[in-house]
Protein backbone atom coordinates (compact mmCIF):
# COMPACT_ATOMS: atom_id res chain seq x y z
CA UNK A 1 -35.35 76.05 2.80
CA UNK A 2 -35.48 73.07 4.67
CA UNK A 3 -31.69 73.23 5.88
CA UNK A 4 -32.83 76.67 7.24
CA UNK A 5 -35.69 75.83 9.05
CA UNK A 6 -33.80 72.89 10.59
CA UNK A 7 -31.43 75.37 12.69
CA UNK A 8 -34.55 76.02 14.73
CA UNK A 9 -35.92 72.83 15.14
CA UNK A 10 -38.21 72.46 12.26
CA UNK A 11 -37.95 68.90 10.70
CA UNK A 12 -39.96 67.88 7.52
CA UNK A 13 -42.02 65.03 7.53
CA UNK A 14 -44.06 63.14 4.56
CA UNK A 15 -47.83 61.24 5.59
CA UNK A 16 -48.32 58.15 4.42
CA UNK A 17 -51.91 58.01 4.12
CA UNK A 18 -51.93 61.21 1.42
CA UNK A 19 -48.08 61.73 0.19
CA UNK A 20 -48.15 65.59 1.62
CA UNK A 21 -45.08 66.89 2.95
CA UNK A 22 -45.53 69.21 5.78
CA UNK A 23 -42.69 70.73 8.67
CA UNK A 24 -43.34 70.49 12.11
CA UNK A 25 -40.86 71.61 15.34
CA UNK A 26 -39.01 69.13 16.98
CA UNK A 27 -38.12 71.09 19.86
CA UNK A 28 -37.68 69.01 23.11
CA UNK A 29 -37.02 65.71 21.18
CA UNK A 30 -34.48 63.64 22.44
CA UNK A 31 -32.73 61.92 20.14
CA UNK A 32 -31.43 58.48 20.65
CA UNK A 33 -27.75 57.60 19.90
CA UNK A 34 -28.92 54.54 18.08
CA UNK A 35 -28.63 54.62 14.20
CA UNK A 36 -32.07 56.30 12.79
CA UNK A 37 -34.18 54.38 10.46
CA UNK A 38 -34.50 56.64 7.40
CA UNK A 39 -37.66 55.21 5.43
CA UNK A 40 -40.74 57.30 4.57
CA UNK A 41 -43.04 54.44 5.42
CA UNK A 42 -43.93 52.13 7.85
CA UNK A 43 -43.12 48.60 6.81
CA UNK A 44 -45.45 45.27 8.07
CA UNK A 45 -44.34 42.08 8.11
CA UNK A 46 -46.26 40.00 5.76
CA UNK A 47 -46.35 37.08 3.89
CA UNK A 48 -48.22 37.31 0.28
CA UNK A 49 -48.17 35.29 -2.61
CA UNK A 50 -46.86 37.26 -5.34
CA UNK A 51 -46.25 37.32 -9.19
CA UNK A 52 -44.50 39.52 -11.07
CA UNK A 53 -43.22 39.90 -14.97
CA UNK A 54 -41.19 42.67 -16.82
CA UNK A 55 -40.31 42.33 -20.49
CA UNK A 56 -39.02 38.69 -21.11
CA UNK A 57 -38.99 37.90 -16.72
CA UNK A 58 -41.33 36.63 -15.21
CA UNK A 59 -41.48 35.62 -12.29
CA UNK A 60 -42.96 34.32 -8.12
CA UNK A 61 -42.54 34.63 -4.98
CA UNK A 62 -43.10 36.43 -1.29
CA UNK A 63 -43.80 39.58 -0.25
CA UNK A 64 -41.71 39.74 2.73
CA UNK A 65 -43.08 43.10 3.78
CA UNK A 66 -45.43 46.52 2.09
CA UNK A 67 -45.69 49.39 2.62
CA UNK A 68 -46.96 52.63 0.99
CA UNK A 69 -43.77 53.14 -0.93
CA UNK A 70 -43.00 48.93 -1.56
CA UNK A 71 -42.13 45.85 -0.73
CA UNK A 72 -39.45 43.09 0.02
CA UNK A 73 -39.91 39.96 -1.45
CA UNK A 74 -38.49 36.71 -1.85
CA UNK A 75 -37.95 35.02 -5.08
CA UNK A 76 -35.56 33.01 -7.25
CA UNK A 77 -36.28 35.33 -10.04
CA UNK A 78 -32.99 37.25 -11.52
CA UNK A 79 -33.66 40.60 -11.81
CA UNK A 80 -31.39 44.14 -11.76
CA UNK A 81 -31.45 47.36 -10.16
CA UNK A 82 -33.54 50.15 -11.91
CA UNK A 83 -35.43 46.57 -14.03
CA UNK A 84 -39.41 48.04 -13.82
CA UNK A 85 -41.83 44.85 -13.15
CA UNK A 86 -46.10 44.64 -12.90
CA UNK A 87 -46.48 43.21 -9.65
CA UNK A 88 -50.01 40.95 -8.82
CA UNK A 89 -49.80 40.41 -4.98
CA UNK A 90 -51.94 38.51 -3.81
CA UNK A 91 -53.94 40.63 -0.63
CA UNK A 92 -56.98 37.33 0.27
CA UNK A 93 -57.72 34.38 -1.26
CA UNK A 94 -61.39 35.64 -2.93
CA UNK A 95 -60.04 39.13 -4.35
CA UNK A 96 -58.67 39.45 -7.58
CA UNK A 97 -54.24 40.60 -6.95
CA UNK A 98 -53.55 43.86 -6.20
CA UNK A 99 -51.85 45.01 -9.58
CA UNK A 100 -49.01 48.03 -9.43
CA UNK A 101 -46.06 48.99 -11.38
CA UNK A 102 -42.88 48.70 -9.39
CA UNK A 103 -38.98 49.60 -9.86
CA UNK A 104 -36.27 46.80 -8.42
CA UNK A 105 -34.56 48.65 -5.53
CA UNK A 106 -31.68 46.65 -4.51
CA UNK A 107 -31.12 42.97 -4.58
CA UNK A 108 -29.49 41.04 -1.89
CA UNK A 109 -29.29 38.46 0.42
CA UNK A 110 -32.62 39.71 2.62
CA UNK A 111 -34.19 39.94 -0.87
CA UNK A 112 -35.65 41.79 -3.86
CA UNK A 113 -36.60 45.78 -2.79
CA UNK A 114 -39.42 46.69 -4.74
CA UNK A 115 -40.28 50.67 -4.77
CA UNK A 116 -43.64 51.45 -5.79
CA UNK A 117 -44.55 53.84 -8.81
CA UNK A 118 -45.85 56.71 -8.52
CA UNK A 119 -49.12 55.28 -9.98
CA UNK A 120 -48.97 52.06 -6.95
CA UNK A 121 -49.16 54.88 -4.11
CA UNK A 122 -52.13 56.22 -4.91
CA UNK A 123 -53.66 52.57 -5.11
CA UNK A 124 -56.85 52.51 -2.94
CA UNK A 125 -56.81 49.01 -2.60
CA UNK A 126 -53.08 49.27 -1.69
CA UNK A 127 -53.61 52.37 0.83
CA UNK A 128 -56.76 50.26 2.57
CA UNK A 129 -54.20 47.49 2.99
CA UNK A 130 -51.17 49.04 4.62
CA UNK A 131 -53.68 51.15 6.77
CA UNK A 132 -56.00 47.98 7.75
CA UNK A 133 -52.62 46.12 8.58
CA UNK A 134 -50.89 49.02 10.60
CA UNK A 135 -54.05 49.51 12.73
CA UNK A 136 -53.88 45.63 13.37
CA UNK A 137 -49.99 46.29 14.54
CA UNK A 138 -51.51 49.22 17.15
CA UNK A 139 -49.17 52.24 15.21
CA UNK A 140 -50.52 55.35 13.45
CA UNK A 141 -49.35 55.76 10.00
CA UNK A 142 -50.02 59.93 9.50
CA UNK A 143 -46.49 61.10 9.86
């Protein structure tokens, strides 16, 4: 159905705040010749301490960027794609760490990319943190 709608310039979108999908017209939008960024969520650059555990693996690292969909971390731990971990991200020194479940999406020279599991995307503290950082960056996070 989405392919048929695209013929008349109607595209699917995903709201970062509430995770709702919706369609909107893109009539008159001019596209650049540069490669499109197909990410669903806005990435926010950060430097946050994190610890993680899953199975027999425990590790620590630094969150390099975060979004409602996941994060990229820098760590020396040896992990594999599709491993599931329990992450504890320190957002502010005086608060308890943000606790989320995530799956390893990729491992590269840039770092370990985690995709948050569905319950993490519904985490109110994560949403509030991402929205506050989005406002600081001066961007709108609803599309």
